[in-house]
């Protein structure tokens, strides 16, 4: 059986070449097709833009947009200003009295006018206490003292009598001594007896003993007098104490002022040391005011301090004087305490009352001339200056400055509406125009127009 030859299925070189040519043609056709689409899209877009440009409505330019920004400035001028220091404190009376009972007893009288808020004078009776015990003690002490005084008078009489008796006894001794001598002479002459001599000798000795007794009695009188004087002093002291207790039973105000409180009424029993009343003098007050510690180099004794009972608006309620300055600063809150005295009419309606919280402001003169500008004109230790141009108005220049301190309060000569100021030590020159308006709408190099300019005296040229 004859075999059939095998046929090879692999493509021939000619067939493979034709396939590659067809694939290349398809890619080229695709590229040209995409390019054609892009060209069409670009043409359509160009047509739309052309239509929009041709149909655009021309808007008239605003003349206002071409105008420079209008600002206000303040002319920098050197001037001396007062540095201000604000602090707070609580007023207290310099002369007040917390009255306590100095003796115990029952209240037997409280005058009708003794009520809180009542004005009283020195010595006004607040309460009367029962003083019968003190009265009895005083009477007993006086009677005992009178008895002792009578004994002292008796000692004076006794001293005189004993002295007289001693003198008489001495005379008697002299007479007995002479008689004894005569008897002795008679015995020597053989005329007398020894027994008679002994009798007269005994008589002399007896009188001498009597004299010694009288002398001893006389010498004891000073000690007896001293003892009686001591007893008399004790009784007088008891009488004085009793009298003081009688006086203390009538409780009086030691100062003139206004009654703050009364703690006892008629019939109440009060013990010694019990608080009875509190009286406050409103004519002279003291206020410990806490100021910033940096003020210690500026304030002095005798400086005036303005005081407000509320916000520091308008004229101060009171004017005080610094009379004392604490030597040590408070490290916790960085303050120093100054003590301010205020004298006022206690009957005035706007008087300052103890216990009120007040604001104090001290003004310290700064004699060195400096530049003063509104605090809002400084941004990040820089100010904006309006520099004049030859023909283009003014151009903004930003200039760094060095600030010394800030102050609060009205400076009418600069700006009556401004109350926040900063004092500048360097960075400005005399006559510079410091921008004080539209600071958030302008920047360096911007062309501006100055429509308001204040000189150092607050006037607008």
Protein backbone atom coordinates (compact mmCIF):
# COMPACT_ATOMS: atom_id res chain seq x y z
CA UNK A 1 0.00 0.00 0.00
CA UNK A 2 1.43 3.28 -1.08
CA UNK A 3 1.87 5.96 1.69
CA UNK A 4 0.69 9.55 1.24
CA UNK A 5 3.36 12.19 1.89
CA UNK A 6 2.84 14.47 5.03
CA UNK A 7 1.91 18.15 4.40
CA UNK A 8 3.64 20.96 6.55
CA UNK A 9 1.06 23.52 8.11
CA UNK A 10 3.59 26.31 8.93
CA UNK A 11 3.01 29.61 7.05
CA UNK A 12 5.27 30.46 4.32
CA UNK A 13 7.43 33.61 4.45
CA UNK A 14 5.19 35.34 1.93
CA UNK A 15 2.05 34.81 4.00
CA UNK A 16 3.66 36.24 7.22
CA UNK A 17 4.77 39.42 5.46
CA UNK A 18 1.30 40.12 4.16
CA UNK A 19 -0.18 39.83 7.67
CA UNK A 20 2.28 42.35 9.15
CA UNK A 21 1.52 44.81 6.37
CA UNK A 22 -2.18 44.63 7.07
CA UNK A 23 -1.63 45.24 10.85
CA UNK A 24 0.58 48.25 10.15
CA UNK A 25 -2.04 49.71 7.86
CA UNK A 26 -4.69 49.42 10.52
CA UNK A 27 -2.52 51.28 13.07
CA UNK A 28 -1.78 54.07 10.65
CA UNK A 29 -5.46 54.37 9.80
CA UNK A 30 -6.32 54.57 13.55
CA UNK A 31 -3.77 57.31 14.13
CA UNK A 32 -5.05 59.41 11.27
CA UNK A 33 -8.61 58.91 12.48
CA UNK A 34 -7.72 60.16 16.00
CA UNK A 35 -5.87 63.14 14.56
CA UNK A 36 -8.88 63.99 12.49
CA UNK A 37 -11.12 63.90 15.56
CA UNK A 38 -8.72 66.17 17.50
CA UNK A 39 -8.61 68.62 14.65
CA UNK A 40 -12.39 68.68 14.50
CA UNK A 41 -12.67 69.28 18.29
CA UNK A 42 -10.11 72.09 18.17
CA UNK A 43 -11.92 73.66 15.28
CA UNK A 44 -15.20 73.53 17.14
CA UNK A 45 -13.59 75.07 20.27
CA UNK A 46 -11.99 77.81 18.21
CA UNK A 47 -15.34 78.55 16.68
CA UNK A 48 -16.99 78.78 20.09
CA UNK A 49 -14.29 81.14 21.37
CA UNK A 50 -14.62 83.26 18.30
CA UNK A 51 -18.37 83.44 18.77
CA UNK A 52 -17.96 84.39 22.47
CA UNK A 53 -15.44 87.08 21.67
CA UNK A 54 -17.59 88.50 18.94
CA UNK A 55 -20.67 88.58 21.17
CA UNK A 56 -18.86 89.91 24.37
CA UNK A 57 -20.43 93.03 25.87
CA UNK A 58 -17.77 95.64 26.60
CA UNK A 59 -18.11 97.02 30.23
CA UNK A 60 -17.18 100.55 31.04
CA UNK A 61 -14.14 100.87 33.28
CA UNK A 62 -14.86 102.37 36.73
CA UNK A 63 -12.97 105.49 37.44
CA UNK A 64 -13.17 104.61 41.11
CA UNK A 65 -11.09 101.46 40.53
CA UNK A 66 -8.29 103.60 39.27
CA UNK A 67 -8.36 105.95 42.27
CA UNK A 68 -5.75 105.41 45.07
CA UNK A 69 -6.81 104.28 48.55
CA UNK A 70 -7.72 107.17 50.81
CA UNK A 71 -6.18 107.00 54.30
CA UNK A 72 -5.79 109.05 57.45
CA UNK A 73 -2.43 109.74 59.07
CA UNK A 74 -0.95 111.29 62.20
CA UNK A 75 2.17 113.41 62.05
CA UNK A 76 4.89 112.11 64.35
CA UNK A 77 5.91 114.72 66.90
CA UNK A 78 8.17 114.40 69.94
CA UNK A 79 6.34 115.10 73.18
CA UNK A 80 6.60 114.35 76.91
CA UNK A 81 3.80 112.12 78.22
CA UNK A 82 2.70 110.77 81.56
CA UNK A 83 3.05 107.07 82.09
CA UNK A 84 -0.02 105.51 83.69
CA UNK A 85 -0.30 102.55 86.03
CA UNK A 86 -3.59 100.84 86.85
CA UNK A 87 -4.22 98.71 89.90
CA UNK A 88 -7.02 97.42 92.09
CA UNK A 89 -7.72 97.38 95.81
CA UNK A 90 -10.39 97.26 98.48
CA UNK A 91 -11.08 100.32 100.63
CA UNK A 92 -10.90 100.06 104.40
CA UNK A 93 -11.36 102.56 107.21
CA UNK A 94 -8.25 103.88 108.90
CA UNK A 95 -10.18 104.51 112.11
CA UNK A 96 -12.65 101.82 113.12
CA UNK A 97 -13.48 100.16 116.42
CA UNK A 98 -14.67 96.67 117.26
CA UNK A 99 -16.11 97.23 120.74
CA UNK A 100 -16.21 94.35 123.24
CA UNK A 101 -17.60 94.08 126.77
CA UNK A 102 -14.83 94.70 129.33
CA UNK A 103 -16.99 93.37 132.19
CA UNK A 104 -19.75 90.80 132.36
CA UNK A 105 -23.33 91.60 133.19
CA UNK A 106 -26.91 91.84 132.01
CA UNK A 107 -27.88 94.59 129.60
CA UNK A 108 -30.25 96.97 131.39
CA UNK A 109 -30.37 99.70 128.75
CA UNK A 110 -29.93 100.11 125.01
CA UNK A 111 -30.83 103.58 123.71
CA UNK A 112 -33.37 103.66 120.90
CA UNK A 113 -30.97 105.49 118.56
CA UNK A 114 -28.34 102.75 118.74
CA UNK A 115 -29.01 100.99 115.46
CA UNK A 116 -26.81 100.06 112.45
CA UNK A 117 -26.29 102.99 110.10
CA UNK A 118 -26.73 105.58 112.85
CA UNK A 119 -24.07 108.29 113.04
CA UNK A 120 -22.70 108.77 116.56
CA UNK A 121 -20.06 110.92 118.26
CA UNK A 122 -17.23 110.06 120.64
CA UNK A 123 -18.54 108.84 124.02
CA UNK A 124 -22.05 107.97 122.83
CA UNK A 125 -23.61 105.37 125.18
CA UNK A 126 -24.22 102.12 123.35
CA UNK A 127 -25.27 99.84 126.24
CA UNK A 128 -25.54 99.88 130.03
CA UNK A 129 -24.86 96.74 132.06
CA UNK A 130 -26.02 95.85 135.54
CA UNK A 131 -23.31 97.12 137.93
CA UNK A 132 -24.70 96.30 141.39
CA UNK A 133 -21.81 93.93 142.21
CA UNK A 134 -19.26 96.57 141.30
CA UNK A 135 -21.12 99.14 143.38
CA UNK A 136 -21.05 96.89 146.46
CA UNK A 137 -17.36 96.14 145.93
CA UNK A 138 -16.62 99.84 145.64
CA UNK A 139 -18.50 100.68 148.86
CA UNK A 140 -16.77 97.90 150.81
CA UNK A 141 -13.34 98.99 149.57
CA UNK A 142 -14.01 102.61 150.47
CA UNK A 143 -15.15 101.67 153.98
CA UNK A 144 -12.08 99.50 154.55
CA UNK A 145 -9.85 102.28 153.32
CA UNK A 146 -11.50 104.73 155.74
CA UNK A 147 -10.90 102.35 158.66
CA UNK A 148 -7.23 102.02 157.74
CA UNK A 149 -6.87 105.78 157.43
CA UNK A 150 -8.31 106.08 160.96
CA UNK A 151 -5.71 103.61 162.22
CA UNK A 152 -2.98 105.63 160.56
CA UNK A 153 -4.22 108.74 162.31
CA UNK A 154 -4.18 106.80 165.62
CA UNK A 155 -0.56 105.80 164.98
CA UNK A 156 0.41 109.44 164.61
CA UNK A 157 -1.16 110.25 167.99
CA UNK A 158 0.40 107.18 169.56
CA UNK A 159 3.82 108.12 168.21
CA UNK A 160 3.58 111.56 169.78
CA UNK A 161 2.45 110.18 173.17
CA UNK A 162 5.15 107.52 173.30
CA UNK A 163 7.74 110.15 172.52
CA UNK A 164 6.49 112.28 175.37
CA UNK A 165 6.52 109.30 177.72
CA UNK A 166 10.11 108.54 176.75
CA UNK A 167 11.17 112.09 177.51
CA UNK A 168 9.44 111.94 180.92
CA UNK A 169 10.99 108.57 181.66
CA UNK A 170 14.41 109.97 180.82
CA UNK A 171 13.88 112.79 183.30
CA UNK A 172 12.80 110.24 185.87
CA UNK A 173 15.93 108.20 185.21
CA UNK A 174 18.09 111.29 185.69
CA UNK A 175 16.42 112.07 189.01
CA UNK A 176 16.73 108.44 190.23
CA UNK A 177 20.35 108.37 189.13
CA UNK A 178 21.14 111.51 191.13
CA UNK A 179 19.37 110.08 194.19
CA UNK A 180 21.35 106.87 193.78
CA UNK A 181 24.58 108.82 193.63
CA UNK A 182 23.72 110.72 196.83
CA UNK A 183 22.91 107.47 198.62
CA UNK A 184 26.23 106.02 197.53
CA UNK A 185 28.06 109.10 198.85
CA UNK A 186 26.20 108.84 202.16
CA UNK A 187 27.21 105.21 202.56
CA UNK A 188 30.80 106.13 201.88
CA UNK A 189 30.47 108.76 204.63
CA UNK A 190 29.00 106.17 206.98
CA UNK A 191 25.57 107.76 207.05
CA UNK A 192 23.56 105.41 204.87
CA UNK A 193 22.77 101.68 204.53
CA UNK A 194 23.51 99.22 201.77
CA UNK A 195 19.84 98.14 201.60
CA UNK A 196 18.74 101.65 200.78
CA UNK A 197 21.35 101.72 197.98
CA UNK A 198 19.94 98.49 196.49
CA UNK A 199 16.40 99.85 196.56
CA UNK A 200 17.37 102.98 194.69
CA UNK A 201 19.47 101.00 192.23
CA UNK A 202 16.43 98.81 191.47
CA UNK A 203 14.31 101.93 190.94
CA UNK A 204 16.76 103.23 188.37
CA UNK A 205 16.78 99.86 186.57
CA UNK A 206 12.96 99.78 186.50
CA UNK A 207 12.70 103.20 184.93
CA UNK A 208 15.37 102.25 182.37
CA UNK A 209 13.36 99.17 181.40
CA UNK A 210 10.29 101.31 180.95
CA UNK A 211 12.24 103.62 178.66
CA UNK A 212 13.48 100.69 176.55
CA UNK A 213 9.94 99.37 176.29
CA UNK A 214 8.70 102.76 175.15
CA UNK A 215 11.51 103.01 172.60
CA UNK A 216 10.68 99.57 171.22
CA UNK A 217 7.05 100.59 170.96
CA UNK A 218 8.05 103.78 169.18
CA UNK A 219 10.33 101.88 166.79
CA UNK A 220 7.49 99.49 165.85
CA UNK A 221 5.19 102.32 164.81
CA UNK A 222 6.84 102.83 161.32
CA UNK A 223 6.43 99.14 160.48
CA UNK A 224 2.82 99.22 161.65
CA UNK A 225 2.32 102.37 159.59
CA UNK A 226 3.85 100.69 156.53
CA UNK A 227 1.58 97.69 157.00
CA UNK A 228 -1.47 99.90 157.27
CA UNK A 229 -0.36 101.92 154.23
CA UNK A 230 -0.04 98.69 152.24
CA UNK A 231 -3.52 97.64 153.32
CA UNK A 232 -4.79 101.09 152.42
CA UNK A 233 -3.20 100.88 148.96
CA UNK A 234 -4.82 97.50 148.42
CA UNK A 235 -8.24 98.79 149.40
CA UNK A 236 -7.80 101.85 147.22
CA UNK A 237 -6.80 99.60 144.32
CA UNK A 238 -9.90 97.51 144.90
CA UNK A 239 -11.98 100.67 144.98
CA UNK A 240 -10.33 101.89 141.76
CA UNK A 241 -11.00 98.56 140.04
CA UNK A 242 -14.57 98.62 141.22
CA UNK A 243 -14.93 102.17 139.92
CA UNK A 244 -13.45 101.17 136.56
CA UNK A 245 -15.86 98.26 136.39
CA UNK A 246 -18.68 100.68 137.11
CA UNK A 247 -17.48 102.87 134.27
CA UNK A 248 -17.04 99.86 131.98
CA UNK A 249 -20.59 98.82 132.69
CA UNK A 250 -21.55 101.84 130.58
CA UNK A 251 -20.28 100.88 127.09
CA UNK A 252 -19.43 103.95 125.01
CA UNK A 253 -18.11 104.49 121.51
CA UNK A 254 -14.40 105.38 121.52
CA UNK A 255 -14.61 107.09 118.12
CA UNK A 256 -17.03 109.14 116.04
CA UNK A 257 -18.48 107.34 113.07
CA UNK A 258 -21.32 105.17 111.82
CA UNK A 259 -22.58 102.07 113.59
CA UNK A 260 -21.93 98.98 111.50
CA UNK A 261 -23.52 96.45 113.88
CA UNK A 262 -24.87 96.00 117.43
CA UNK A 263 -24.85 92.48 118.87
CA UNK A 264 -26.75 92.78 122.17
CA UNK A 265 -30.15 93.99 123.32
CA UNK A 266 -31.81 94.80 126.62
CA UNK A 267 -32.04 91.76 128.87
CA UNK A 268 -29.19 89.88 127.20
CA UNK A 269 -26.36 88.55 129.34
CA UNK A 270 -22.93 89.39 128.00
CA UNK A 271 -19.66 87.96 129.25
CA UNK A 272 -16.37 89.81 129.37
CA UNK A 273 -14.84 89.88 125.87
CA UNK A 274 -18.17 89.50 124.05
CA UNK A 275 -18.30 91.60 120.81
CA UNK A 276 -20.85 94.34 121.36
CA UNK A 277 -20.72 96.70 118.37
CA UNK A 278 -18.61 97.89 115.46
CA UNK A 279 -18.22 101.59 114.59
CA UNK A 280 -16.54 102.86 111.41
CA UNK A 281 -15.19 106.32 110.66
CA UNK A 282 -15.79 107.23 107.00
CA UNK A 283 -13.80 110.45 106.94
CA UNK A 284 -10.42 108.79 106.35
CA UNK A 285 -9.92 105.60 104.34
CA UNK A 286 -6.94 103.55 103.28
CA UNK A 287 -6.75 101.45 100.12
CA UNK A 288 -4.00 98.88 99.48
CA UNK A 289 -3.69 99.11 95.68
CA UNK A 290 -1.80 96.46 93.73
CA UNK A 291 0.16 97.95 90.82
CA UNK A 292 2.42 96.23 88.25
CA UNK A 293 5.84 95.53 89.73
CA UNK A 294 7.48 97.55 86.93
CA UNK A 295 5.93 100.70 88.43
CA UNK A 296 8.32 100.63 91.38
CA UNK A 297 10.88 102.80 89.51
CA UNK A 298 8.30 105.44 88.66
CA UNK A 299 6.00 105.99 91.64
CA UNK A 300 6.94 108.04 94.69
CA UNK A 301 5.50 108.79 98.12
CA UNK A 302 3.06 111.66 97.85
CA UNK A 303 1.97 110.84 94.29
CA UNK A 304 -1.72 111.37 93.65
CA UNK A 305 -3.81 108.42 92.51
CA UNK A 306 -7.19 108.61 90.80
CA UNK A 307 -9.84 106.24 92.11
CA UNK A 308 -12.96 104.88 90.42
CA UNK A 309 -15.58 102.68 92.08
CA UNK A 310 -16.40 101.14 88.70
CA UNK A 311 -15.03 101.43 85.19
CA UNK A 312 -12.56 104.32 84.73
CA UNK A 313 -15.02 106.45 82.80
CA UNK A 314 -15.22 110.19 83.24
CA UNK A 315 -13.87 111.99 86.25
CA UNK A 316 -12.56 109.86 89.15
CA UNK A 317 -14.76 109.39 92.20
CA UNK A 318 -11.94 110.22 94.60
CA UNK A 319 -8.35 111.45 94.62
CA UNK A 320 -5.97 109.77 97.06
CA UNK A 321 -2.31 110.11 98.03
CA UNK A 322 0.29 107.34 98.22
CA UNK A 323 1.57 107.33 101.81
CA UNK A 324 3.34 103.97 101.96
CA UNK A 325 4.95 101.55 99.49
CA UNK A 326 5.52 97.89 100.33
CA UNK A 327 9.24 97.06 99.91
CA UNK A 328 8.72 93.59 98.43
CA UNK A 329 6.95 92.59 95.21
CA UNK A 330 4.56 89.67 94.99
CA UNK A 331 6.30 87.08 92.81
CA UNK A 332 3.08 85.17 92.16
CA UNK A 333 1.24 87.95 90.34
CA UNK A 334 4.15 90.38 89.76
CA UNK A 335 2.62 93.28 91.65
CA UNK A 336 3.62 95.70 94.36
CA UNK A 337 1.29 97.15 96.98
CA UNK A 338 0.98 100.88 97.57
CA UNK A 339 -1.14 102.27 100.39
CA UNK A 340 -3.39 105.15 99.46
CA UNK A 341 -5.07 107.49 101.94
CA UNK A 342 -8.33 109.22 101.08
CA UNK A 343 -9.92 112.02 103.08
CA UNK A 344 -13.59 112.63 102.35
CA UNK A 345 -16.79 114.13 103.67
CA UNK A 346 -18.52 111.27 105.53
CA UNK A 347 -21.90 112.87 104.77
CA UNK A 348 -21.35 113.14 101.00
CA UNK A 349 -23.61 111.04 98.82
CA UNK A 350 -20.76 109.86 96.57
CA UNK A 351 -18.44 108.98 99.44
CA UNK A 352 -16.26 105.90 99.18
CA UNK A 353 -17.37 103.14 101.54
CA UNK A 354 -15.08 100.59 103.21
CA UNK A 355 -15.20 97.23 101.49
CA UNK A 356 -15.69 98.72 98.02
CA UNK A 357 -13.52 97.38 95.20
CA UNK A 358 -11.89 100.30 93.39
CA UNK A 359 -9.59 100.90 90.45
CA UNK A 360 -6.62 103.19 91.01
CA UNK A 361 -4.62 104.98 88.32
CA UNK A 362 -1.28 106.66 88.93
CA UNK A 363 0.27 109.03 86.42
CA UNK A 364 4.07 109.24 86.48
CA UNK A 365 5.72 112.07 84.52
CA UNK A 366 8.15 110.98 81.78
CA UNK A 367 10.29 114.01 80.96
CA UNK A 368 12.05 112.41 77.98
CA UNK A 369 10.31 113.42 74.69
CA UNK A 370 9.10 110.43 72.69
CA UNK A 371 6.76 109.66 69.80
CA UNK A 372 3.22 108.67 70.77
CA UNK A 373 0.95 106.88 68.27
CA UNK A 374 -2.35 104.98 68.59
CA UNK A 375 -1.76 101.40 69.65
CA UNK A 376 -3.72 100.11 66.65
CA UNK A 377 -1.20 101.78 64.28
CA UNK A 378 1.47 99.24 65.35
CA UNK A 379 1.38 95.77 63.83
CA UNK A 380 4.13 93.39 64.78
CA UNK A 381 6.47 96.19 65.94
CA UNK A 382 6.06 97.91 62.58
CA UNK A 383 4.21 101.00 61.43
CA UNK A 384 3.14 102.16 58.01
CA UNK A 385 4.41 105.55 56.84
CA UNK A 386 2.88 107.59 54.03
CA UNK A 387 5.90 108.90 52.10
CA UNK A 388 5.18 111.81 49.73
CA UNK A 389 6.06 111.30 46.04
CA UNK A 390 6.98 113.93 43.47
CA UNK A 391 3.78 113.75 41.46
CA UNK A 392 2.02 110.58 42.53
CA UNK A 393 0.70 111.53 45.99
CA UNK A 394 1.94 109.22 48.74
CA UNK A 395 3.36 105.71 48.78
CA UNK A 396 3.25 103.28 51.72
CA UNK A 397 6.49 102.38 53.49
CA UNK A 398 6.68 99.79 56.28
CA UNK A 399 9.10 100.73 59.02
CA UNK A 400 10.17 98.75 62.13
CA UNK A 401 9.95 100.62 65.45
CA UNK A 402 11.02 100.06 69.06
CA UNK A 403 8.28 100.55 71.64
CA UNK A 404 8.89 101.68 75.22
CA UNK A 405 5.52 101.10 76.84
CA UNK A 406 1.78 101.50 76.36
CA UNK A 407 -0.50 103.97 78.07
CA UNK A 408 -4.24 104.31 78.46
CA UNK A 409 -6.37 107.38 78.66
CA UNK A 410 -7.41 110.36 76.63
CA UNK A 411 -4.80 112.66 75.07
CA UNK A 412 -6.98 115.44 73.78
CA UNK A 413 -4.13 117.16 71.99
CA UNK A 414 -3.55 114.10 69.80
CA UNK A 415 -6.95 112.48 69.32
CA UNK A 416 -9.94 113.05 71.63
CA UNK A 417 -11.48 109.74 70.55
CA UNK A 418 -8.45 107.54 71.16
CA UNK A 419 -7.58 106.05 74.57
CA UNK A 420 -5.02 103.35 73.69
CA UNK A 421 -1.50 104.62 72.95
CA UNK A 422 2.02 103.29 72.43
CA UNK A 423 5.18 105.24 73.17
CA UNK A 424 7.96 104.73 70.56
CA UNK A 425 11.65 105.25 71.29
CA UNK A 426 13.15 104.64 67.83
CA UNK A 427 12.11 104.05 64.23
CA UNK A 428 10.28 107.33 63.59
CA UNK A 429 11.46 110.76 62.58
CA UNK A 430 9.98 114.15 63.23
CA UNK A 431 7.18 114.84 60.76
CA UNK A 432 6.64 111.24 59.58
CA UNK A 433 3.03 110.57 58.56
CA UNK A 434 1.96 107.47 60.50
CA UNK A 435 -1.02 105.68 58.92
CA UNK A 436 -3.88 105.24 61.39
CA UNK A 437 -6.67 103.91 59.14
CA UNK A 438 -7.31 101.04 56.68
CA UNK A 439 -4.25 99.21 57.97
CA UNK A 440 -5.64 95.86 56.88
CA UNK A 441 -6.31 97.05 53.30
CA UNK A 442 -2.94 98.52 52.36
CA UNK A 443 0.56 97.15 51.96
CA UNK A 444 4.07 98.38 51.32
CA UNK A 445 4.54 100.21 48.04
CA UNK A 446 0.86 100.94 47.53
CA UNK A 447 -0.01 104.36 46.15
CA UNK A 448 -2.42 106.13 48.54
CA UNK A 449 -4.10 109.46 49.03
CA UNK A 450 -3.93 111.19 52.42
CA UNK A 451 -7.33 112.75 53.17
CA UNK A 452 -6.83 113.41 56.89
CA UNK A 453 -3.63 114.36 58.67
CA UNK A 454 -3.24 115.34 62.31
CA UNK A 455 -0.16 117.14 63.56
CA UNK A 456 1.31 116.78 67.04
CA UNK A 457 -1.21 119.21 68.48
CA UNK A 458 -4.25 117.29 67.25
CA UNK A 459 -5.22 119.80 64.54
CA UNK A 460 -5.80 118.96 60.92
CA UNK A 461 -3.84 121.22 58.55
